Amino acid sequence: MELTRARWRTATRSSNNGGDCVEVADNLPGRVLVRDSKDRTGGTLAFTPTAWRAFVAAARGTD
């Protein structure tokens, strides 16, 4: 998977005190990438935009 063009951003609910954080890259066509901000080389999850929206809605309790 080509990750060099991914523009990563930290989740808005993440804090700066070293807590549990995820980073999301949603600038690539047809996929949304997610990784652990504390272990950036530990692996990346890939979702379709539809699956990502469904996941976020379920996590927020708005599905």
PDB file of N, CA and C in Angstrom:
ATOM      1  N   MET A   1       0.850  -1.181   0.000  1.00  0.00           N
ATOM      2  CA  MET A   1       0.000   0.000   0.000  1.00  0.00           C
ATOM      3  C   MET A   1       0.894   1.242   0.000  1.00  0.00           C
ATOM      4  N   GLU A   2       0.618   2.160  -0.873  1.00  0.00           N
ATOM      5  CA  GLU A   2       1.391   3.405  -0.993  1.00  0.00           C
ATOM      6  C   GLU A   2       0.954   4.390   0.095  1.00  0.00           C
ATOM      7  N   LEU A   3       1.859   4.659   1.052  1.00  0.00           N
ATOM      8  CA  LEU A   3       1.531   5.543   2.169  1.00  0.00           C
ATOM      9  C   LEU A   3       2.242   6.883   2.119  1.00  0.00           C
ATOM     10  N   THR A   4       3.130   7.076   1.170  1.00  0.00           N
ATOM     11  CA  THR A   4       3.925   8.303   1.159  1.00  0.00           C
ATOM     12  C   THR A   4       3.089   9.548   0.913  1.00  0.00           C
ATOM     13  N   ARG A   5       1.938   9.403   0.273  1.00  0.00           N
ATOM     14  CA  ARG A   5       1.089  10.573   0.011  1.00  0.00           C
ATOM     15  C   ARG A   5       0.070  10.816   1.119  1.00  0.00           C
ATOM     16  N   ALA A   6       0.016   9.926   2.099  1.00  0.00           N
ATOM     17  CA  ALA A   6      -0.959  10.077   3.186  1.00  0.00           C
ATOM     18  C   ALA A   6      -0.625  11.306   4.023  1.00  0.00           C
ATOM     19  N   ARG A   7      -1.642  12.119   4.289  1.00  0.00           N
ATOM     20  CA  ARG A   7      -1.511  13.271   5.186  1.00  0.00           C
ATOM     21  C   ARG A   7      -2.198  12.895   6.502  1.00  0.00           C
ATOM     22  N   TRP A   8      -1.392  12.640   7.501  1.00  0.00           N
ATOM     23  CA  TRP A   8      -1.895  12.149   8.783  1.00  0.00           C
ATOM     24  C   TRP A   8      -2.318  13.302   9.681  1.00  0.00           C
ATOM     25  N   ARG A   9      -3.394  13.079  10.418  1.00  0.00           N
ATOM     26  CA  ARG A   9      -3.832  14.042  11.432  1.00  0.00           C
ATOM     27  C   ARG A   9      -4.221  13.258  12.680  1.00  0.00           C
ATOM     28  N   THR A  10      -4.012  13.860  13.820  1.00  0.00           N
ATOM     29  CA  THR A  10      -4.345  13.221  15.085  1.00  0.00           C
ATOM     30  C   THR A  10      -5.828  13.398  15.352  1.00  0.00           C
ATOM     31  N   ALA A  11      -6.424  12.403  15.927  1.00  0.00           N
ATOM     32  CA  ALA A  11      -7.844  12.467  16.258  1.00  0.00           C
ATOM     33  C   ALA A  11      -8.123  13.694  17.130  1.00  0.00           C
ATOM     34  N   THR A  12      -9.246  14.337  16.905  1.00  0.00           N
ATOM     35  CA  THR A  12      -9.564  15.573  17.620  1.00  0.00           C
ATOM     36  C   THR A  12      -9.748  15.350  19.115  1.00  0.00           C
ATOM     37  N   ARG A  13     -10.092  14.163  19.533  1.00  0.00           N
ATOM     38  CA  ARG A  13     -10.279  13.879  20.963  1.00  0.00           C
ATOM     39  C   ARG A  13      -8.996  13.441  21.648  1.00  0.00           C
ATOM     40  N   SER A  14      -7.912  13.354  20.920  1.00  0.00           N
ATOM     41  CA  SER A  14      -6.635  12.963  21.507  1.00  0.00           C
ATOM     42  C   SER A  14      -6.040  14.135  22.257  1.00  0.00           C
ATOM     43  N   SER A  15      -5.322  13.822  23.310  1.00  0.00           N
ATOM     44  CA  SER A  15      -4.676  14.882  24.086  1.00  0.00           C
ATOM     45  C   SER A  15      -3.187  14.883  23.794  1.00  0.00           C
ATOM     46  N   ASN A  16      -2.510  15.878  24.279  1.00  0.00           N
ATOM     47  CA  ASN A  16      -1.067  16.002  24.062  1.00  0.00           C
ATOM     48  C   ASN A  16      -0.247  15.382  25.185  1.00  0.00           C
ATOM     49  N   ASN A  17      -0.888  14.648  26.093  1.00  0.00           N
ATOM     50  CA  ASN A  17      -0.160  14.120  27.248  1.00  0.00           C
ATOM     51  C   ASN A  17       0.281  12.670  27.081  1.00  0.00           C
ATOM     52  N   GLY A  18       0.340  12.166  25.848  1.00  0.00           N
ATOM     53  CA  GLY A  18       0.830  10.819  25.611  1.00  0.00           C
ATOM     54  C   GLY A  18      -0.211   9.741  25.792  1.00  0.00           C
ATOM     55  N   GLY A  19      -1.469  10.109  25.819  1.00  0.00           N
ATOM     56  CA  GLY A  19      -2.536   9.131  25.983  1.00  0.00           C
ATOM     57  C   GLY A  19      -2.757   8.298  24.738  1.00  0.00           C
ATOM     58  N   ASP A  20      -3.828   7.547  24.752  1.00  0.00           N
ATOM     59  CA  ASP A  20      -4.176   6.705  23.611  1.00  0.00           C
ATOM     60  C   ASP A  20      -4.626   7.581  22.451  1.00  0.00           C
ATOM     61  N   CYS A  21      -3.891   7.533  21.359  1.00  0.00           N
ATOM     62  CA  CYS A  21      -4.175   8.394  20.219  1.00  0.00           C
ATOM     63  C   CYS A  21      -4.171   7.589  18.925  1.00  0.00           C
ATOM     64  N   VAL A  22      -4.999   7.998  18.019  1.00  0.00           N
ATOM     65  CA  VAL A  22      -4.955   7.445  16.669  1.00  0.00           C
ATOM     66  C   VAL A  22      -4.742   8.584  15.691  1.00  0.00           C
ATOM     67  N   GLU A  23      -4.173   8.240  14.562  1.00  0.00           N
ATOM     68  CA  GLU A  23      -4.005   9.191  13.475  1.00  0.00           C
ATOM     69  C   GLU A  23      -4.786   8.666  12.286  1.00  0.00           C
ATOM     70  N   VAL A  24      -5.359   9.600  11.537  1.00  0.00           N
ATOM     71  CA  VAL A  24      -6.188   9.253  10.387  1.00  0.00           C
ATOM     72  C   VAL A  24      -5.661   9.999   9.165  1.00  0.00           C
ATOM     73  N   ALA A  25      -5.628   9.313   8.043  1.00  0.00           N
ATOM     74  CA  ALA A  25      -5.306   9.941   6.753  1.00  0.00           C
ATOM     75  C   ALA A  25      -6.493   9.666   5.839  1.00  0.00           C
ATOM     76  N   ASP A  26      -7.198  10.733   5.476  1.00  0.00           N
ATOM     77  CA  ASP A  26      -8.390  10.561   4.629  1.00  0.00           C
ATOM     78  C   ASP A  26      -8.276  11.328   3.318  1.00  0.00           C
ATOM     79  N   ASN A  27      -7.049  11.559   2.898  1.00  0.00           N
ATOM     80  CA  ASN A  27      -6.837  12.317   1.659  1.00  0.00           C
ATOM     81  C   ASN A  27      -6.565  11.432   0.446  1.00  0.00           C
ATOM     82  N   LEU A  28      -6.527  10.131   0.625  1.00  0.00           N
ATOM     83  CA  LEU A  28      -6.257   9.224  -0.492  1.00  0.00           C
ATOM     84  C   LEU A  28      -7.563   8.747  -1.112  1.00  0.00           C
ATOM     85  N   PRO A  29      -7.643   8.665  -2.421  1.00  0.00           N
ATOM     86  CA  PRO A  29      -8.889   8.269  -3.066  1.00  0.00           C
ATOM     87  C   PRO A  29      -9.303   6.839  -2.689  1.00  0.00           C
ATOM     88  N   GLY A  30     -10.526   6.705  -2.243  1.00  0.00           N
ATOM     89  CA  GLY A  30     -11.098   5.393  -2.012  1.00  0.00           C
ATOM     90  C   GLY A  30     -10.685   4.680  -0.747  1.00  0.00           C
ATOM     91  N   ARG A  31      -9.945   5.346   0.141  1.00  0.00           N
ATOM     92  CA  ARG A  31      -9.568   4.689   1.390  1.00  0.00           C
ATOM     93  C   ARG A  31      -9.263   5.700   2.485  1.00  0.00           C
ATOM     94  N   VAL A  32      -9.461   5.230   3.701  1.00  0.00           N
ATOM     95  CA  VAL A  32      -9.131   5.988   4.905  1.00  0.00           C
ATOM     96  C   VAL A  32      -8.172   5.110   5.701  1.00  0.00           C
ATOM     97  N   LEU A  33      -7.048   5.670   6.091  1.00  0.00           N
ATOM     98  CA  LEU A  33      -6.029   4.928   6.824  1.00  0.00           C
ATOM     99  C   LEU A  33      -6.025   5.343   8.284  1.00  0.00           C
ATOM    100  N   VAL A  34      -5.771   4.388   9.173  1.00  0.00           N
ATOM    101  CA  VAL A  34      -5.750   4.639  10.610  1.00  0.00           C
ATOM    102  C   VAL A  34      -4.534   3.931  11.200  1.00  0.00           C
ATOM    103  N   ARG A  35      -3.839   4.613  12.118  1.00  0.00           N
ATOM    104  CA  ARG A  35      -2.686   4.008  12.786  1.00  0.00           C
ATOM    105  C   ARG A  35      -2.580   4.538  14.215  1.00  0.00           C
ATOM    106  N   ASP A  36      -1.799   3.860  15.015  1.00  0.00           N
ATOM    107  CA  ASP A  36      -1.521   4.253  16.396  1.00  0.00           C
ATOM    108  C   ASP A  36      -0.430   5.322  16.379  1.00  0.00           C
ATOM    109  N   SER A  37      -0.693   6.460  16.977  1.00  0.00           N
ATOM    110  CA  SER A  37       0.276   7.557  16.938  1.00  0.00           C
ATOM    111  C   SER A  37       1.544   7.245  17.728  1.00  0.00           C
ATOM    112  N   LYS A  38       1.473   6.312  18.666  1.00  0.00           N
ATOM    113  CA  LYS A  38       2.648   5.958  19.450  1.00  0.00           C
ATOM    114  C   LYS A  38       3.478   4.856  18.795  1.00  0.00           C
ATOM    115  N   ASP A  39       2.935   4.207  17.769  1.00  0.00           N
ATOM    116  CA  ASP A  39       3.630   3.114  17.083  1.00  0.00           C
ATOM    117  C   ASP A  39       3.349   3.226  15.582  1.00  0.00           C
ATOM    118  N   ARG A  40       3.847   4.275  14.976  1.00  0.00           N
ATOM    119  CA  ARG A  40       3.528   4.593  13.585  1.00  0.00           C
ATOM    120  C   ARG A  40       3.994   3.544  12.592  1.00  0.00           C
ATOM    121  N   THR A  41       4.971   2.746  12.948  1.00  0.00           N
ATOM    122  CA  THR A  41       5.441   1.700  12.041  1.00  0.00           C
ATOM    123  C   THR A  41       4.834   0.343  12.380  1.00  0.00           C
ATOM    124  N   GLY A  42       3.943   0.303  13.354  1.00  0.00           N
ATOM    125  CA  GLY A  42       3.373  -0.953  13.822  1.00  0.00           C
ATOM    126  C   GLY A  42       2.240  -1.501  12.991  1.00  0.00           C
ATOM    127  N   GLY A  43       1.823  -0.791  11.986  1.00  0.00           N
ATOM    128  CA  GLY A  43       0.742  -1.274  11.141  1.00  0.00           C
ATOM    129  C   GLY A  43      -0.282  -0.194  10.879  1.00  0.00           C
ATOM    130  N   THR A  44      -0.999  -0.372   9.800  1.00  0.00           N
ATOM    131  CA  THR A  44      -2.013   0.597   9.377  1.00  0.00           C
ATOM    132  C   THR A  44      -3.266  -0.146   8.979  1.00  0.00           C
ATOM    133  N   LEU A  45      -4.398   0.325   9.446  1.00  0.00           N
ATOM    134  CA  LEU A  45      -5.682  -0.218   9.030  1.00  0.00           C
ATOM    135  C   LEU A  45      -6.200   0.601   7.861  1.00  0.00           C
ATOM    136  N   ALA A  46      -6.839  -0.056   6.905  1.00  0.00           N
ATOM    137  CA  ALA A  46      -7.407   0.636   5.742  1.00  0.00           C
ATOM    138  C   ALA A  46      -8.899   0.351   5.678  1.00  0.00           C
ATOM    139  N   PHE A  47      -9.675   1.405   5.517  1.00  0.00           N
ATOM    140  CA  PHE A  47     -11.128   1.323   5.408  1.00  0.00           C
ATOM    141  C   PHE A  47     -11.575   1.978   4.113  1.00  0.00           C
ATOM    142  N   THR A  48     -12.708   1.553   3.598  1.00  0.00           N
ATOM    143  CA  THR A  48     -13.347   2.337   2.542  1.00  0.00           C
ATOM    144  C   THR A  48     -13.952   3.560   3.232  1.00  0.00           C
ATOM    145  N   PRO A  49     -14.159   4.657   2.507  1.00  0.00           N
ATOM    146  CA  PRO A  49     -14.785   5.823   3.138  1.00  0.00           C
ATOM    147  C   PRO A  49     -16.156   5.499   3.750  1.00  0.00           C
ATOM    148  N   THR A  50     -16.931   4.644   3.097  1.00  0.00           N
ATOM    149  CA  THR A  50     -18.248   4.270   3.624  1.00  0.00           C
ATOM    150  C   THR A  50     -18.107   3.508   4.937  1.00  0.00           C
ATOM    151  N   ALA A  51     -17.191   2.552   4.974  1.00  0.00           N
ATOM    152  CA  ALA A  51     -16.978   1.787   6.201  1.00  0.00           C
ATOM    153  C   ALA A  51     -16.457   2.683   7.317  1.00  0.00           C
ATOM    154  N   TRP A  52     -15.586   3.628   7.002  1.00  0.00           N
ATOM    155  CA  TRP A  52     -15.057   4.550   8.008  1.00  0.00           C
ATOM    156  C   TRP A  52     -16.166   5.424   8.585  1.00  0.00           C
ATOM    157  N   ARG A  53     -17.026   5.961   7.718  1.00  0.00           N
ATOM    158  CA  ARG A  53     -18.146   6.788   8.210  1.00  0.00           C
ATOM    159  C   ARG A  53     -19.055   5.973   9.122  1.00  0.00           C
ATOM    160  N   ALA A  54     -19.315   4.720   8.765  1.00  0.00           N
ATOM    161  CA  ALA A  54     -20.152   3.859   9.594  1.00  0.00           C
ATOM    162  C   ALA A  54     -19.486   3.594  10.949  1.00  0.00           C
ATOM    163  N   PHE A  55     -18.180   3.351  10.938  1.00  0.00           N
ATOM    164  CA  PHE A  55     -17.442   3.129  12.179  1.00  0.00           C
ATOM    165  C   PHE A  55     -17.515   4.359  13.073  1.00  0.00           C
ATOM    166  N   VAL A  56     -17.249   5.529  12.528  1.00  0.00           N
ATOM    167  CA  VAL A  56     -17.270   6.763  13.309  1.00  0.00           C
ATOM    168  C   VAL A  56     -18.674   7.019  13.870  1.00  0.00           C
ATOM    169  N   ALA A  57     -19.690   6.810  13.064  1.00  0.00           N
ATOM    170  CA  ALA A  57     -21.063   7.011  13.527  1.00  0.00           C
ATOM    171  C   ALA A  57     -21.388   6.051  14.670  1.00  0.00           C
ATOM    172  N   ALA A  58     -20.962   4.795  14.556  1.00  0.00           N
ATOM    173  CA  ALA A  58     -21.208   3.822  15.623  1.00  0.00           C
ATOM    174  C   ALA A  58     -20.437   4.203  16.893  1.00  0.00           C
ATOM    175  N   ALA A  59     -19.204   4.664  16.734  1.00  0.00           N
ATOM    176  CA  ALA A  59     -18.401   5.062  17.897  1.00  0.00           C
ATOM    177  C   ALA A  59     -19.011   6.266  18.599  1.00  0.00           C
ATOM    178  N   ARG A  60     -19.603   7.142  17.833  1.00  0.00           N
ATOM    179  CA  ARG A  60     -20.261   8.323  18.413  1.00  0.00           C
ATOM    180  C   ARG A  60     -21.644   7.999  18.963  1.00  0.00           C
ATOM    181  N   GLY A  61     -22.183   6.840  18.583  1.00  0.00           N
ATOM    182  CA  GLY A  61     -23.527   6.477  19.010  1.00  0.00           C
ATOM    183  C   GLY A  61     -24.609   7.145  18.198  1.00  0.00           C
ATOM    184  N   THR A  62     -24.256   7.549  16.961  1.00  0.00           N
ATOM    185  CA  THR A  62     -25.223   8.258  16.113  1.00  0.00           C
ATOM    186  C   THR A  62     -25.644   7.431  14.900  1.00  0.00           C
ATOM    187  N   ASP A  63     -25.366   6.143  14.930  1.00  0.00           N
ATOM    188  CA  ASP A  63     -25.726   5.318  13.753  1.00  0.00           C
ATOM    189  C   ASP A  63     -27.174   4.933  13.752  1.00  0.00           C
TER     190      ASP A  63
END
